[in-house]
């Protein structure tokens, strides 16, 4: 079966079993190894990618379900430099071993796209499906709050660029 979808902003076409998990299509067929294999059952979150902006577990997501949709992996999250979540992860020295971090980052980015100012409870709920064997949960929560602040600053800066100074508005 042929499946076409957008991957990190580019159209891709893959041939093969429609039930093959998206994770293996990404890793084996498209050479994108950022999403990790953890449990194979969608329980740990190491394989998290975004489909149409929603965090999904690619190990249990058949590639056929990606048809006609937009898939974003960790490799495509910060197309023009680091995404605010990636920047916050670096600033806050969030990872320890790093294995789960691509999935953590993809879930955090999806959360912040839906909720620009999440509470600790919002973060805990959104990140509950992402396991970290090293126990960096407090650092992850702090990094998400930092990323929210970075995104807010980016939006404020963009808004100021759009609005001309008051003296330019007067006739």
C-alpha atoms as a PDB file:
ATOM      1  CA  UNK A   1       0.000   0.000   0.000  1.00  0.00           C
ATOM      2  CA  UNK A   2       1.130   3.565  -0.725  1.00  0.00           C
ATOM      3  CA  UNK A   3       0.809   6.113   2.072  1.00  0.00           C
ATOM      4  CA  UNK A   4       1.409   9.826   1.554  1.00  0.00           C
ATOM      5  CA  UNK A   5       1.709  12.378   4.334  1.00  0.00           C
ATOM      6  CA  UNK A   6       3.568  15.520   5.295  1.00  0.00           C
ATOM      7  CA  UNK A   7       6.678  14.848   7.345  1.00  0.00           C
ATOM      8  CA  UNK A   8       8.335  17.833   8.980  1.00  0.00           C
ATOM      9  CA  UNK A   9       6.838  20.071   6.314  1.00  0.00           C
ATOM     10  CA  UNK A  10       7.773  17.892   3.307  1.00  0.00           C
ATOM     11  CA  UNK A  11       5.492  15.522   1.388  1.00  0.00           C
ATOM     12  CA  UNK A  12       6.603  11.900   1.645  1.00  0.00           C
ATOM     13  CA  UNK A  13       5.364   8.691   0.079  1.00  0.00           C
ATOM     14  CA  UNK A  14       6.041   5.300   1.612  1.00  0.00           C
ATOM     15  CA  UNK A  15       5.295   1.850   0.271  1.00  0.00           C
ATOM     16  CA  UNK A  16       4.541  -1.133   2.433  1.00  0.00           C
ATOM     17  CA  UNK A  17       2.278  -2.639   5.028  1.00  0.00           C
ATOM     18  CA  UNK A  18      -0.421  -0.140   6.032  1.00  0.00           C
ATOM     19  CA  UNK A  19      -0.392  -1.545   9.574  1.00  0.00           C
ATOM     20  CA  UNK A  20       3.345  -1.045  10.073  1.00  0.00           C
ATOM     21  CA  UNK A  21       3.815   1.242  13.056  1.00  0.00           C
ATOM     22  CA  UNK A  22       4.727   4.803  12.140  1.00  0.00           C
ATOM     23  CA  UNK A  23       7.781   4.512  14.420  1.00  0.00           C
ATOM     24  CA  UNK A  24       9.332   1.839  12.206  1.00  0.00           C
ATOM     25  CA  UNK A  25       8.463   3.715   9.020  1.00  0.00           C
ATOM     26  CA  UNK A  26      10.219   6.780  10.418  1.00  0.00           C
ATOM     27  CA  UNK A  27      13.266   4.877  11.664  1.00  0.00           C
ATOM     28  CA  UNK A  28      13.711   2.173   9.016  1.00  0.00           C
ATOM     29  CA  UNK A  29      12.238   3.643   5.842  1.00  0.00           C
ATOM     30  CA  UNK A  30      12.852   7.367   6.315  1.00  0.00           C
ATOM     31  CA  UNK A  31      16.055   7.265   8.431  1.00  0.00           C
ATOM     32  CA  UNK A  32      14.670   9.538  11.179  1.00  0.00           C
ATOM     33  CA  UNK A  33      15.840   7.996  14.431  1.00  0.00           C
ATOM     34  CA  UNK A  34      14.846  10.709  16.922  1.00  0.00           C
ATOM     35  CA  UNK A  35      11.706   8.875  18.039  1.00  0.00           C
ATOM     36  CA  UNK A  36      12.844   5.968  20.201  1.00  0.00           C
ATOM     37  CA  UNK A  37      11.550   2.451  20.715  1.00  0.00           C
ATOM     38  CA  UNK A  38      10.717   1.892  24.356  1.00  0.00           C
ATOM     39  CA  UNK A  39       7.875  -0.485  25.040  1.00  0.00           C
ATOM     40  CA  UNK A  40       6.165  -1.152  21.711  1.00  0.00           C
ATOM     41  CA  UNK A  41       2.750  -0.734  23.330  1.00  0.00           C
ATOM     42  CA  UNK A  42       2.357   3.059  23.482  1.00  0.00           C
ATOM     43  CA  UNK A  43       2.828   3.142  27.253  1.00  0.00           C
ATOM     44  CA  UNK A  44       6.200   4.843  27.788  1.00  0.00           C
ATOM     45  CA  UNK A  45       6.144   7.803  25.373  1.00  0.00           C
ATOM     46  CA  UNK A  46       9.706   7.389  24.040  1.00  0.00           C
ATOM     47  CA  UNK A  47       8.287   7.149  20.513  1.00  0.00           C
ATOM     48  CA  UNK A  48       6.097  10.274  20.726  1.00  0.00           C
ATOM     49  CA  UNK A  49       5.652  12.343  17.570  1.00  0.00           C
ATOM     50  CA  UNK A  50       2.952  14.819  16.629  1.00  0.00           C
ATOM     51  CA  UNK A  51       0.225  14.106  14.112  1.00  0.00           C
ATOM     52  CA  UNK A  52      -1.654  17.261  13.182  1.00  0.00           C
ATOM     53  CA  UNK A  53      -0.163  18.858  16.302  1.00  0.00           C
ATOM     54  CA  UNK A  54      -1.353  16.150  18.694  1.00  0.00           C
ATOM     55  CA  UNK A  55       1.124  13.969  20.568  1.00  0.00           C
ATOM     56  CA  UNK A  56       0.770  10.316  19.506  1.00  0.00           C
ATOM     57  CA  UNK A  57       2.699   7.161  20.329  1.00  0.00           C
ATOM     58  CA  UNK A  58       4.188   6.179  16.988  1.00  0.00           C
ATOM     59  CA  UNK A  59       4.951   2.601  18.061  1.00  0.00           C
ATOM     60  CA  UNK A  60       1.231   1.823  18.137  1.00  0.00           C
ATOM     61  CA  UNK A  61       0.076   4.188  15.372  1.00  0.00           C
ATOM     62  CA  UNK A  62      -0.309   2.422  12.008  1.00  0.00           C
ATOM     63  CA  UNK A  63       1.257   4.384   9.147  1.00  0.00           C
ATOM     64  CA  UNK A  64      -2.063   4.219   7.276  1.00  0.00           C
ATOM     65  CA  UNK A  65      -3.543   6.583   9.870  1.00  0.00           C
ATOM     66  CA  UNK A  66      -0.938   9.192   8.875  1.00  0.00           C
ATOM     67  CA  UNK A  67      -2.250   9.355   5.298  1.00  0.00           C
ATOM     68  CA  UNK A  68      -2.988  12.931   4.281  1.00  0.00           C
ATOM     69  CA  UNK A  69      -1.923  14.260   7.665  1.00  0.00           C
ATOM     70  CA  UNK A  70       0.985  16.271   9.025  1.00  0.00           C
ATOM     71  CA  UNK A  71       3.584  14.375  11.066  1.00  0.00           C
ATOM     72  CA  UNK A  72       6.230  16.233  13.044  1.00  0.00           C
ATOM     73  CA  UNK A  73       9.184  14.465  14.628  1.00  0.00           C
ATOM     74  CA  UNK A  74      11.847  15.815  16.960  1.00  0.00           C
ATOM     75  CA  UNK A  75      14.005  16.382  13.868  1.00  0.00           C
ATOM     76  CA  UNK A  76      11.401  18.769  12.431  1.00  0.00           C
ATOM     77  CA  UNK A  77      10.261  20.539  15.583  1.00  0.00           C
ATOM     78  CA  UNK A  78      12.770  23.378  15.401  1.00  0.00           C
ATOM     79  CA  UNK A  79      13.052  23.882  11.648  1.00  0.00           C
ATOM     80  CA  UNK A  80      14.546  27.364  11.981  1.00  0.00           C
ATOM     81  CA  UNK A  81      16.776  26.720  14.991  1.00  0.00           C
ATOM     82  CA  UNK A  82      15.755  25.386  18.359  1.00  0.00           C
ATOM     83  CA  UNK A  83      12.066  25.334  19.249  1.00  0.00           C
ATOM     84  CA  UNK A  84      11.309  27.082  22.556  1.00  0.00           C
ATOM     85  CA  UNK A  85      10.866  23.709  24.268  1.00  0.00           C
ATOM     86  CA  UNK A  86      14.250  22.519  23.017  1.00  0.00           C
ATOM     87  CA  UNK A  87      15.822  25.804  24.121  1.00  0.00           C
ATOM     88  CA  UNK A  88      14.279  25.459  27.580  1.00  0.00           C
ATOM     89  CA  UNK A  89      15.551  21.873  27.835  1.00  0.00           C
ATOM     90  CA  UNK A  90      19.084  23.131  27.154  1.00  0.00           C
ATOM     91  CA  UNK A  91      18.819  26.121  29.497  1.00  0.00           C
ATOM     92  CA  UNK A  92      17.422  24.056  32.345  1.00  0.00           C
ATOM     93  CA  UNK A  93      19.843  21.141  31.814  1.00  0.00           C
ATOM     94  CA  UNK A  94      16.810  18.872  31.775  1.00  0.00           C
ATOM     95  CA  UNK A  95      17.991  15.501  30.420  1.00  0.00           C
ATOM     96  CA  UNK A  96      19.975  12.948  32.320  1.00  0.00           C
ATOM     97  CA  UNK A  97      20.471   9.900  30.095  1.00  0.00           C
ATOM     98  CA  UNK A  98      18.399  11.510  27.328  1.00  0.00           C
ATOM     99  CA  UNK A  99      16.698   8.418  25.920  1.00  0.00           C
ATOM    100  CA  UNK A 100      13.143   9.561  26.665  1.00  0.00           C
ATOM    101  CA  UNK A 101      13.757  13.231  25.918  1.00  0.00           C
ATOM    102  CA  UNK A 102      12.617  13.378  22.263  1.00  0.00           C
ATOM    103  CA  UNK A 103       9.237  11.999  23.333  1.00  0.00           C
ATOM    104  CA  UNK A 104       9.114  14.289  26.355  1.00  0.00           C
ATOM    105  CA  UNK A 105       9.882  17.321  24.167  1.00  0.00           C
ATOM    106  CA  UNK A 106       7.271  16.388  21.550  1.00  0.00           C
ATOM    107  CA  UNK A 107       4.598  15.965  24.234  1.00  0.00           C
ATOM    108  CA  UNK A 108       5.607  19.248  25.898  1.00  0.00           C
ATOM    109  CA  UNK A 109       5.453  21.112  22.575  1.00  0.00           C
ATOM    110  CA  UNK A 110       1.977  19.715  21.877  1.00  0.00           C
ATOM    111  CA  UNK A 111       0.865  20.750  25.365  1.00  0.00           C
ATOM    112  CA  UNK A 112       2.130  24.317  24.932  1.00  0.00           C
ATOM    113  CA  UNK A 113       0.525  24.620  21.498  1.00  0.00           C
ATOM    114  CA  UNK A 114      -2.814  23.807  23.147  1.00  0.00           C
ATOM    115  CA  UNK A 115      -2.257  25.573  26.499  1.00  0.00           C
ATOM    116  CA  UNK A 116       0.169  28.498  26.558  1.00  0.00           C
ATOM    117  CA  UNK A 117       0.161  28.821  30.343  1.00  0.00           C
ATOM    118  CA  UNK A 118      -0.184  25.346  31.846  1.00  0.00           C
ATOM    119  CA  UNK A 119      -0.334  24.796  35.591  1.00  0.00           C
ATOM    120  CA  UNK A 120       1.708  22.075  37.256  1.00  0.00           C
ATOM    121  CA  UNK A 121      -1.412  19.897  37.218  1.00  0.00           C
ATOM    122  CA  UNK A 122      -1.875  20.527  33.471  1.00  0.00           C
ATOM    123  CA  UNK A 123       1.751  19.573  32.864  1.00  0.00           C
ATOM    124  CA  UNK A 124       1.499  16.447  34.991  1.00  0.00           C
ATOM    125  CA  UNK A 125      -1.659  15.359  33.163  1.00  0.00           C
ATOM    126  CA  UNK A 126      -0.242  16.011  29.688  1.00  0.00           C
ATOM    127  CA  UNK A 127       3.074  14.345  30.453  1.00  0.00           C
ATOM    128  CA  UNK A 128       1.671  11.353  32.354  1.00  0.00           C
ATOM    129  CA  UNK A 129       2.190   9.047  29.373  1.00  0.00           C
ATOM    130  CA  UNK A 130       5.891   9.867  29.110  1.00  0.00           C
ATOM    131  CA  UNK A 131       8.088   7.838  31.443  1.00  0.00           C
ATOM    132  CA  UNK A 132      11.578   8.859  32.523  1.00  0.00           C
ATOM    133  CA  UNK A 133      13.643   6.100  34.110  1.00  0.00           C
ATOM    134  CA  UNK A 134      16.048   8.713  35.469  1.00  0.00           C
ATOM    135  CA  UNK A 135      13.271  10.555  37.310  1.00  0.00           C
ATOM    136  CA  UNK A 136      13.846  14.015  35.820  1.00  0.00           C
ATOM    137  CA  UNK A 137      10.174  14.938  36.209  1.00  0.00           C
ATOM    138  CA  UNK A 138      10.805  18.075  38.328  1.00  0.00           C
ATOM    139  CA  UNK A 139      13.302  19.349  35.743  1.00  0.00           C
ATOM    140  CA  UNK A 140      10.889  18.532  32.921  1.00  0.00           C
ATOM    141  CA  UNK A 141       8.125  20.525  34.656  1.00  0.00           C
ATOM    142  CA  UNK A 142      10.471  23.492  35.172  1.00  0.00           C
ATOM    143  CA  UNK A 143      11.597  23.330  31.552  1.00  0.00           C
ATOM    144  CA  UNK A 144       7.984  23.369  30.343  1.00  0.00           C
ATOM    145  CA  UNK A 145       7.300  26.482  32.410  1.00  0.00           C
ATOM    146  CA  UNK A 146      10.473  28.044  30.960  1.00  0.00           C
ATOM    147  CA  UNK A 147       9.382  27.116  27.425  1.00  0.00           C
ATOM    148  CA  UNK A 148       5.987  28.731  28.073  1.00  0.00           C
ATOM    149  CA  UNK A 149       7.780  31.923  29.084  1.00  0.00           C
ATOM    150  CA  UNK A 150      10.009  31.776  25.992  1.00  0.00           C
ATOM    151  CA  UNK A 151       6.979  31.286  23.724  1.00  0.00           C
ATOM    152  CA  UNK A 152       5.151  34.181  25.406  1.00  0.00           C
ATOM    153  CA  UNK A 153       8.189  36.405  24.849  1.00  0.00           C
ATOM    154  CA  UNK A 154       8.346  35.326  21.178  1.00  0.00           C
ATOM    155  CA  UNK A 155       4.659  36.164  20.725  1.00  0.00           C
ATOM    156  CA  UNK A 156       5.076  39.536  22.404  1.00  0.00           C
ATOM    157  CA  UNK A 157       8.078  40.310  20.203  1.00  0.00           C
ATOM    158  CA  UNK A 158       6.140  39.280  17.077  1.00  0.00           C
ATOM    159  CA  UNK A 159       3.169  41.435  18.087  1.00  0.00           C
ATOM    160  CA  UNK A 160       5.446  44.448  18.555  1.00  0.00           C
ATOM    161  CA  UNK A 161       6.886  43.905  15.075  1.00  0.00           C
ATOM    162  CA  UNK A 162       3.393  43.884  13.575  1.00  0.00           C
ATOM    163  CA  UNK A 163       2.132  47.018  15.350  1.00  0.00           C
ATOM    164  CA  UNK A 164       3.822  50.140  14.019  1.00  0.00           C
ATOM    165  CA  UNK A 165       4.958  52.764  16.521  1.00  0.00           C
ATOM    166  CA  UNK A 166       2.243  55.266  17.488  1.00  0.00           C
ATOM    167  CA  UNK A 167       3.977  58.117  15.667  1.00  0.00           C
ATOM    168  CA  UNK A 168       3.648  56.153  12.411  1.00  0.00           C
ATOM    169  CA  UNK A 169      -0.108  55.809  12.936  1.00  0.00           C
ATOM    170  CA  UNK A 170      -0.811  59.543  13.161  1.00  0.00           C
ATOM    171  CA  UNK A 171      -1.769  61.320   9.911  1.00  0.00           C
END
